[in-house]
Protein backbone atom coordinates (compact mmCIF):
# COMPACT_ATOMS: atom_id res chain seq x y z
CA UNK A 1 62.22 84.35 117.98
CA UNK A 2 61.58 85.21 114.56
CA UNK A 3 60.93 83.47 111.44
CA UNK A 4 64.16 82.76 109.02
CA UNK A 5 64.51 81.85 105.42
CA UNK A 6 64.42 77.59 105.13
CA UNK A 7 68.06 76.48 105.13
CA UNK A 8 67.77 73.11 105.36
CA UNK A 9 70.17 70.95 103.71
CA UNK A 10 69.65 67.46 104.70
CA UNK A 11 71.71 65.29 107.14
CA UNK A 12 75.47 67.24 108.07
CA UNK A 13 78.24 66.89 105.78
CA UNK A 14 81.87 65.37 106.76
CA UNK A 15 84.13 66.98 108.13
CA UNK A 16 86.64 69.37 106.91
CA UNK A 17 88.76 67.97 104.55
CA UNK A 18 92.36 68.82 104.93
CA UNK A 19 92.85 69.19 101.12
CA UNK A 20 90.27 71.93 100.74
CA UNK A 21 90.73 75.39 101.13
CA UNK A 22 89.12 76.59 104.55
CA UNK A 23 85.54 78.01 104.07
CA UNK A 24 85.18 81.66 103.82
CA UNK A 25 82.85 83.17 106.19
CA UNK A 26 82.01 86.86 107.31
CA UNK A 27 82.99 87.14 110.87
CA UNK A 28 79.97 86.73 113.25
CA UNK A 29 79.83 90.39 115.14
CA UNK A 30 80.19 91.02 118.48
CA UNK A 31 77.28 88.93 119.95
CA UNK A 32 76.20 87.04 123.17
CA UNK A 33 75.54 83.36 122.65
CA UNK A 34 73.83 80.98 124.99
CA UNK A 35 74.02 77.09 124.42
CA UNK A 36 71.65 74.28 126.39
CA UNK A 37 72.93 70.98 125.67
CA UNK A 38 71.73 67.81 126.27
CA UNK A 39 74.87 65.55 125.28
CA UNK A 40 78.40 66.22 126.13
CA UNK A 41 79.66 65.42 122.71
CA UNK A 42 77.50 68.48 121.12
CA UNK A 43 78.61 70.66 123.68
CA UNK A 44 82.10 69.83 123.20
CA UNK A 45 81.77 70.71 119.22
CA UNK A 46 79.82 73.74 120.01
CA UNK A 47 83.22 74.70 122.67
CA UNK A 48 85.27 74.00 119.75
CA UNK A 49 83.75 76.32 117.16
CA UNK A 50 83.44 78.90 120.04
CA UNK A 51 87.39 78.79 120.01
CA UNK A 52 87.13 79.37 115.97
CA UNK A 53 88.72 82.77 114.93
CA UNK A 54 85.20 83.51 113.22
CA UNK A 55 83.33 83.50 116.38
CA UNK A 56 86.28 85.44 118.11
CA UNK A 57 84.12 88.85 119.01
CA UNK A 58 81.11 86.24 119.97
CA UNK A 59 80.49 85.57 123.66
CA UNK A 60 79.58 81.80 123.74
CA UNK A 61 78.67 79.87 126.93
CA UNK A 62 78.04 76.30 127.11
CA UNK A 63 75.35 75.05 129.35
CA UNK A 64 73.91 71.40 129.57
CA UNK A 65 70.10 70.50 130.27
CA UNK A 66 68.63 71.20 126.62
CA UNK A 67 65.53 73.19 126.44
CA UNK A 68 63.96 72.37 129.98
CA UNK A 69 66.92 74.20 131.09
CA UNK A 70 67.21 76.94 128.84
CA UNK A 71 63.75 77.43 129.95
CA UNK A 72 64.35 77.77 133.42
CA UNK A 73 67.20 79.60 133.01
CA UNK A 74 65.68 82.53 131.04
CA UNK A 75 62.51 83.21 133.79
CA UNK A 76 64.92 85.26 135.41
CA UNK A 77 67.53 86.66 133.04
CA UNK A 78 67.46 88.46 129.69
CA UNK A 79 67.72 86.48 126.60
CA UNK A 80 70.97 86.71 124.49
CA UNK A 81 71.17 87.30 121.11
CA UNK A 82 71.17 83.68 120.02
CA UNK A 83 70.06 80.25 121.92
CA UNK A 84 71.12 77.44 120.75
CA UNK A 85 68.99 74.29 122.54
CA UNK A 86 69.59 70.75 122.02
CA UNK A 87 66.95 68.11 122.10
CA UNK A 88 66.50 64.53 121.79
CA UNK A 89 62.57 64.84 121.53
CA UNK A 90 59.69 64.84 119.03
CA UNK A 91 56.15 65.41 117.91
CA UNK A 92 53.91 66.88 120.69
CA UNK A 93 56.59 66.66 123.32
CA UNK A 94 59.15 68.79 121.50
CA UNK A 95 56.88 71.91 120.37
CA UNK A 96 55.34 72.06 123.90
CA UNK A 97 58.83 72.73 124.87
CA UNK A 98 59.51 75.08 122.19
CA UNK A 99 56.65 76.65 122.96
CA UNK A 100 57.94 77.28 126.70
CA UNK A 101 60.91 78.64 125.46
CA UNK A 102 59.43 81.20 123.08
CA UNK A 103 57.41 81.96 125.99
CA UNK A 104 60.83 83.60 127.86
CA UNK A 105 62.55 85.07 124.96
CA UNK A 106 62.78 88.70 124.41
CA UNK A 107 61.93 90.27 120.92
CA UNK A 108 64.90 90.07 118.46
CA UNK A 109 66.37 87.02 120.00
CA UNK A 110 67.32 84.32 117.62
CA UNK A 111 67.36 80.55 118.33
CA UNK A 112 68.85 77.43 116.54
CA UNK A 113 67.56 73.88 117.45
CA UNK A 114 70.08 70.97 117.46
CA UNK A 115 68.06 67.98 116.79
CA UNK A 116 68.63 64.27 116.15
CA UNK A 117 65.73 63.81 114.07
CA UNK A 118 66.62 64.30 110.04
CA UNK A 119 62.56 64.93 109.06
CA UNK A 120 61.89 67.83 107.01
CA UNK A 121 58.26 68.05 108.28
CA UNK A 122 60.15 68.53 111.82
CA UNK A 123 61.80 71.24 110.29
CA UNK A 124 59.55 72.86 108.21
CA UNK A 125 56.89 73.18 111.77
CA UNK A 126 59.85 74.42 113.51
CA UNK A 127 60.32 77.07 111.20
CA UNK A 128 56.49 78.07 111.60
CA UNK A 129 56.62 78.48 115.26
CA UNK A 130 59.76 80.97 114.88
CA UNK A 131 62.77 78.54 115.22
CA UNK A 132 65.56 80.44 113.25
CA UNK A 133 67.48 77.61 112.07
CA UNK A 134 67.77 73.81 112.50
CA UNK A 135 71.05 71.79 112.66
CA UNK A 136 70.77 68.20 112.62
CA UNK A 137 73.72 66.39 115.36
CA UNK A 138 76.35 65.40 114.71
CA UNK A 139 77.76 68.56 113.19
CA UNK A 140 81.03 70.13 112.81
CA UNK A 141 82.06 73.22 114.37
CA UNK A 142 82.47 74.93 110.64
CA UNK A 143 78.44 74.03 110.26
CA UNK A 144 77.32 75.56 112.99
CA UNK A 145 79.69 78.51 112.32
CA UNK A 146 77.88 79.21 109.12
CA UNK A 147 74.57 78.55 110.42
CA UNK A 148 75.26 81.51 112.97
CA UNK A 149 77.06 83.11 109.98
CA UNK A 150 73.89 83.10 108.03
CA UNK A 151 71.84 84.69 110.84
CA UNK A 152 73.80 87.80 111.44
CA UNK A 153 75.32 88.29 107.66
CA UNK A 154 73.28 89.93 105.27
CA UNK A 155 72.64 87.44 102.41
CA UNK A 156 72.76 90.51 99.67
CA UNK A 157 75.96 91.67 100.91
CA UNK A 158 78.66 90.98 98.40
CA UNK A 159 81.17 87.86 99.43
CA UNK A 160 84.42 89.01 101.31
CA UNK A 161 87.59 87.77 99.51
CA UNK A 162 89.85 85.09 100.51
CA UNK A 163 93.14 86.28 102.60
CA UNK A 164 96.25 84.49 102.14
CA UNK A 165 98.88 85.15 104.88
CA UNK A 166 102.17 84.65 103.51
CA UNK A 167 105.14 84.54 106.71
CA UNK A 168 108.29 83.57 106.41
CA UNK A 169 110.29 81.32 109.22
CA UNK A 170 113.23 83.19 109.24
CA UNK A 171 114.68 86.57 107.48
CA UNK A 172 115.81 85.90 103.95
CA UNK A 173 113.91 83.08 103.38
CA UNK A 174 111.96 84.62 100.43
CA UNK A 175 108.33 84.91 101.37
CA UNK A 176 107.73 88.31 100.34
CA UNK A 177 109.10 87.19 96.82
CA UNK A 178 106.86 83.96 96.80
CA UNK A 179 103.92 86.26 97.87
CA UNK A 180 104.16 88.98 95.16
CA UNK A 181 104.71 85.58 92.51
CA UNK A 182 101.97 83.75 93.57
CA UNK A 183 99.77 87.21 94.16
CA UNK A 184 100.90 87.42 90.09
CA UNK A 185 99.88 84.02 89.28
CA UNK A 186 96.73 84.36 90.28
CA UNK A 187 95.80 87.57 88.62
CA UNK A 188 97.20 86.55 85.45
CA UNK A 189 97.43 82.77 84.87
CA UNK A 190 93.87 82.32 87.03
CA UNK A 191 92.31 85.97 85.93
CA UNK A 192 91.32 86.69 89.68
CA UNK A 193 91.05 89.73 90.63
CA UNK A 194 93.85 90.22 93.44
CA UNK A 195 95.23 92.38 96.30
CA UNK A 196 98.71 92.16 97.64
CA UNK A 197 98.57 94.08 100.97
CA UNK A 198 102.72 94.66 102.38
CA UNK A 199 102.69 95.22 106.04
CA UNK A 200 106.58 95.46 106.12
CA UNK A 201 106.49 99.05 106.33
CA UNK A 202 110.31 99.81 106.77
CA UNK A 203 111.32 97.07 104.52
CA UNK A 204 108.82 96.16 102.17
CA UNK A 205 109.68 94.91 98.24
CA UNK A 206 106.35 94.84 96.61
CA UNK A 207 107.17 98.17 95.30
CA UNK A 208 110.82 97.15 94.02
CA UNK A 209 109.31 93.61 92.82
CA UNK A 210 106.64 95.53 90.53
CA UNK A 211 109.05 98.53 90.09
CA UNK A 212 106.47 101.10 91.43
CA UNK A 213 107.07 103.88 93.26
CA UNK A 214 103.48 105.63 94.77
CA UNK A 215 103.81 108.49 96.68
CA UNK A 216 100.69 107.34 98.87
CA UNK A 217 100.42 103.68 100.31
CA UNK A 218 99.33 101.39 103.16
CA UNK A 219 100.92 103.98 105.72
CA UNK A 220 98.63 106.30 104.73
CA UNK A 221 95.46 104.05 105.10
CA UNK A 222 96.67 103.22 108.88
CA UNK A 223 96.84 106.58 110.09
CA UNK A 224 93.09 106.90 109.84
CA UNK A 225 91.47 103.21 109.13
CA UNK A 226 87.84 104.21 110.05
CA UNK A 227 88.21 106.61 107.03
CA UNK A 228 88.94 103.92 104.70
CA UNK A 229 86.20 103.08 101.97
CA UNK A 230 86.24 102.51 98.31
CA UNK A 231 87.07 105.58 97.28
CA UNK A 232 90.19 105.83 99.55
CA UNK A 233 91.19 102.68 99.01
CA UNK A 234 91.29 103.23 94.94
CA UNK A 235 93.42 106.08 95.65
CA UNK A 236 95.61 104.82 97.61
CA UNK A 237 96.10 101.70 95.83
CA UNK A 238 98.32 100.73 92.59
CA UNK A 239 96.60 99.24 89.69
CA UNK A 240 99.21 97.33 88.40
CA UNK A 241 97.61 95.50 85.98
CA UNK A 242 93.26 95.29 85.18
CA UNK A 243 93.24 92.58 87.81
CA UNK A 244 95.89 93.10 90.15
CA UNK A 245 96.65 95.94 92.91
CA UNK A 246 99.16 97.06 95.07
CA UNK A 247 98.98 98.33 98.76
CA UNK A 248 102.73 99.15 98.98
CA UNK A 249 104.64 99.89 102.11
CA UNK A 250 106.86 102.99 101.89
CA UNK A 251 110.08 101.34 102.95
CA UNK A 252 111.44 103.98 104.55
CA UNK A 253 112.62 104.42 108.60
CA UNK A 254 110.15 107.15 109.44
CA UNK A 255 107.61 104.87 111.12
CA UNK A 256 108.41 101.61 113.25
CA UNK A 257 106.91 98.26 112.66
CA UNK A 258 104.77 98.52 115.82
CA UNK A 259 101.30 98.88 114.47
CA UNK A 260 98.20 98.93 115.57
CA UNK A 261 96.50 95.47 115.64
CA UNK A 262 92.78 97.12 115.07
CA UNK A 263 93.93 99.12 112.32
CA UNK A 264 95.53 96.52 110.43
CA UNK A 265 93.01 93.91 110.96
CA UNK A 266 90.09 96.51 109.76
CA UNK A 267 92.50 97.46 106.84
CA UNK A 268 92.20 93.82 105.74
CA UNK A 269 88.19 93.78 105.95
CA UNK A 270 88.02 96.52 103.77
CA UNK A 271 90.31 95.17 100.96
CA UNK A 272 88.34 91.70 101.56
CA UNK A 273 85.08 93.80 100.80
CA UNK A 274 86.36 94.86 97.57
CA UNK A 275 88.51 92.08 96.26
CA UNK A 276 88.33 88.21 95.93
CA UNK A 277 91.64 87.53 97.03
CA UNK A 278 94.22 89.47 99.26
CA UNK A 279 97.53 88.30 99.22
CA UNK A 280 99.12 89.56 102.92
CA UNK A 281 102.82 90.23 103.01
CA UNK A 282 103.62 89.95 106.37
CA UNK A 283 106.96 91.28 107.71
CA UNK A 284 109.40 88.65 109.63
CA UNK A 285 108.52 90.10 113.06
CA UNK A 286 106.42 88.59 115.89
CA UNK A 287 104.19 91.47 117.68
CA UNK A 288 100.51 91.24 118.61
CA UNK A 289 99.27 92.15 115.44
CA UNK A 290 101.18 89.94 113.37
CA UNK A 291 99.88 87.43 115.50
CA UNK A 292 96.46 88.65 114.97
CA UNK A 293 96.43 89.04 111.52
CA UNK A 294 97.78 85.45 111.08
CA UNK A 295 95.45 83.58 112.85
CA UNK A 296 92.65 85.36 111.33
CA UNK A 297 93.88 84.57 107.53
CA UNK A 298 91.86 82.39 105.32
CA UNK A 299 95.09 80.07 104.13
CA UNK A 300 98.37 80.70 105.53
CA UNK A 301 101.71 80.05 103.47
CA UNK A 302 105.00 79.70 105.50
CA UNK A 303 108.33 80.22 103.58
CA UNK A 304 111.43 78.27 105.51
CA UNK A 305 115.10 77.15 104.45
CA UNK A 306 116.18 73.46 104.49
CA UNK A 307 118.29 74.40 108.14
CA UNK A 308 118.01 74.22 111.99
CA UNK A 309 116.86 77.17 112.03
CA UNK A 310 114.21 77.04 109.51
CA UNK A 311 113.02 73.80 110.97
CA UNK A 312 112.77 75.60 114.66
CA UNK A 313 110.85 78.38 113.53
CA UNK A 314 108.94 76.39 110.93
CA UNK A 315 107.72 73.77 113.71
CA UNK A 316 106.95 76.32 116.43
CA UNK A 317 104.58 78.11 114.17
CA UNK A 318 102.77 75.19 112.55
CA UNK A 319 102.50 74.14 116.44
CA UNK A 320 100.71 77.28 117.09
CA UNK A 321 98.49 77.08 114.11
CA UNK A 322 97.67 73.71 114.89
CA UNK A 323 96.40 74.80 118.20
CA UNK A 324 94.79 78.05 117.54
CA UNK A 325 92.92 76.66 114.22
CA UNK A 326 91.97 73.79 114.79
CA UNK A 327 88.87 74.28 112.37
CA UNK A 328 91.39 75.33 109.40
CA UNK A 329 93.45 73.31 107.11
CA UNK A 330 97.00 73.14 107.80
CA UNK A 331 99.35 75.95 106.65
CA UNK A 332 101.42 75.05 103.30
CA UNK A 333 104.91 74.90 103.82
CA UNK A 334 107.32 75.93 101.11
CA UNK A 335 110.84 74.69 101.75
CA UNK A 336 112.46 76.93 99.55
CA UNK A 337 116.61 77.57 98.38
CA UNK A 338 117.20 74.09 98.22
CA UNK A 339 120.12 72.85 96.61
CA UNK A 340 123.00 75.47 97.33
CA UNK A 341 126.21 74.12 96.37
CA UNK A 342 128.37 72.62 99.56
CA UNK A 343 125.85 73.86 101.86
CA UNK A 344 124.74 70.98 104.00
CA UNK A 345 121.10 70.61 103.96
CA UNK A 346 118.14 69.22 106.02
CA UNK A 347 116.66 66.95 103.34
CA UNK A 348 112.78 67.68 102.35
CA UNK A 349 111.92 64.11 104.03
CA UNK A 350 113.37 64.79 107.25
CA UNK A 351 111.98 68.30 107.64
CA UNK A 352 108.48 66.82 106.72
CA UNK A 353 108.82 64.70 109.52
CA UNK A 354 110.12 66.83 112.04
CA UNK A 355 107.16 69.36 111.55
CA UNK A 356 104.63 66.89 111.13
CA UNK A 357 103.28 68.83 107.46
CA UNK A 358 104.41 67.59 104.52
CA UNK A 359 105.63 70.50 102.04
CA UNK A 360 103.45 71.88 99.51
CA UNK A 361 106.38 73.05 97.53
CA UNK A 362 110.28 72.23 97.53
CA UNK A 363 112.22 75.19 95.00
CA UNK A 364 115.51 74.91 93.77
CA UNK A 365 118.28 77.49 94.72
CA UNK A 366 118.14 79.99 91.55
CA UNK A 367 120.35 82.72 91.98
CA UNK A 368 120.19 83.72 88.46
CA UNK A 369 116.48 83.67 88.16
CA UNK A 370 115.57 85.15 91.28
CA UNK A 371 118.16 87.96 90.95
CA UNK A 372 117.19 88.85 87.37
CA UNK A 373 113.87 89.22 88.56
CA UNK A 374 114.32 91.06 91.83
CA UNK A 375 116.94 93.72 89.68
CA UNK A 376 114.69 94.22 87.07
CA UNK A 377 111.44 95.06 89.26
CA UNK A 378 109.94 91.74 87.47
CA UNK A 379 108.44 88.72 87.86
CA UNK A 380 109.75 85.45 87.58
CA UNK A 381 106.90 84.59 85.14
CA UNK A 382 107.99 87.38 83.01
CA UNK A 383 111.59 86.17 83.11
CA UNK A 384 111.28 82.60 82.80
CA UNK A 385 107.78 81.66 82.10
CA UNK A 386 108.92 77.76 81.68
CA UNK A 387 110.97 76.94 84.55
CA UNK A 388 110.21 74.77 87.18
CA UNK A 389 110.01 77.01 89.95
CA UNK A 390 107.54 79.21 87.65
CA UNK A 391 105.31 75.82 87.51
CA UNK A 392 105.68 75.31 90.75
CA UNK A 393 104.46 78.91 91.99
CA UNK A 394 101.37 78.24 89.73
CA UNK A 395 100.71 75.22 91.43
CA UNK A 396 100.48 76.86 94.72
CA UNK A 397 98.81 79.26 93.45
CA UNK A 398 96.18 77.35 92.26
CA UNK A 399 96.11 75.59 95.86
CA UNK A 400 95.57 78.55 97.83
CA UNK A 401 92.47 79.50 95.82
CA UNK A 402 91.01 76.12 95.56
CA UNK A 403 92.16 75.21 91.82
CA UNK A 404 94.31 72.55 92.39
CA UNK A 405 94.76 70.33 94.60
CA UNK A 406 96.77 70.04 97.58
CA UNK A 407 98.97 67.64 98.48
CA UNK A 408 98.03 64.60 100.53
CA UNK A 409 100.19 64.18 103.77
CA UNK A 410 102.40 60.89 102.49
CA UNK A 411 105.04 59.98 100.75
CA UNK A 412 102.76 60.53 97.12
CA UNK A 413 104.35 64.43 97.20
CA UNK A 414 107.97 63.56 97.20
CA UNK A 415 108.26 62.74 93.27
CA UNK A 416 106.78 65.93 92.46
CA UNK A 417 108.81 67.69 94.52
CA UNK A 418 111.98 66.03 93.16
CA UNK A 419 110.77 67.07 89.66
CA UNK A 420 111.26 70.59 91.13
CA UNK A 421 114.37 70.66 92.50
CA UNK A 422 116.13 68.22 89.93
CA UNK A 423 116.77 65.24 92.41
CA UNK A 424 115.07 62.04 94.07
CA UNK A 425 114.13 62.00 97.68
CA UNK A 426 115.72 59.22 99.13
């Protein structure tokens, strides 16, 4: 066991608030973790943490029996990279058990103790004896993930950027337009460095929306992702403004959309190391690489339309995210193109009840604004900065960056939606 920097913060915080952005932690590297619990509740919390996207590369096994079981197990087995042990003991008995555990630990193995005593003196003595971290039970899966991350991420390394994935529930829902305008708002209105990554290689519109025609772009980066570094990244991206960079798609049919998942993930990781906010413009296809990128994003925005196909597809995506991202905030749903003349629509209230998520934003159908911006290669804010649509997009930009309060899952959101659409919800 190795000494660690003090990281005791007192009692565990409350669970993840659905209305706050998901914390950004660097993914834990490929390590092996063995956990030995005394209480089923602790084992359940650790198991939930093991299913989190940030521990996807780690191999975690949960046992029962606490420190005595760990000592018995490792007498005949090499110790892993990290051991988690729960104890309800204190005083001499606790430190006697820790001494026995230290005798069977290989050099380099790290240890996190899960205890039930919120006592600074106990913590200090544990650290003195070589424990790496002390976590007070009960704890949330994210608290455990943060503790593990601290042990395996260089504290002097620069923070990684927040990744926000935009995906359309159906083709033509306006997801790419929304992604580009949210990225613009973050860089201009909030003055935050932002990179937009257009992953729709054959049909991507980032170059068109920003009136750019770069010779190189994301396709070149995906050819040899292992060679992508800061210098190459700067050469392949378009510096649109001092705070906004574009990783554009070629917009040709020379390559199909079946990309390598590892290459895409490596690309996003490199970009996140150089920029505080990364907007991922996902194509409307379902493949292993799109699924992996979607599930690994820090925040997700689903753009949909108020019709049956949009409702079905949105619910399918939301249900998948609830099932696989239990420790993350719910996705943000944007109901777009509302109010098309003479077109039957599903009301926002009914839509929300069906998908069990309140839309974060309802945008009115405004072909004049969107058409003018698209044809001129401009952002909506440049065409009509005072429009209700631009106001809504700026609000969404604030939510995904943690600068604005996300809507609660209640009817309190509906008046705000009504202001944007110009009508009241029943």
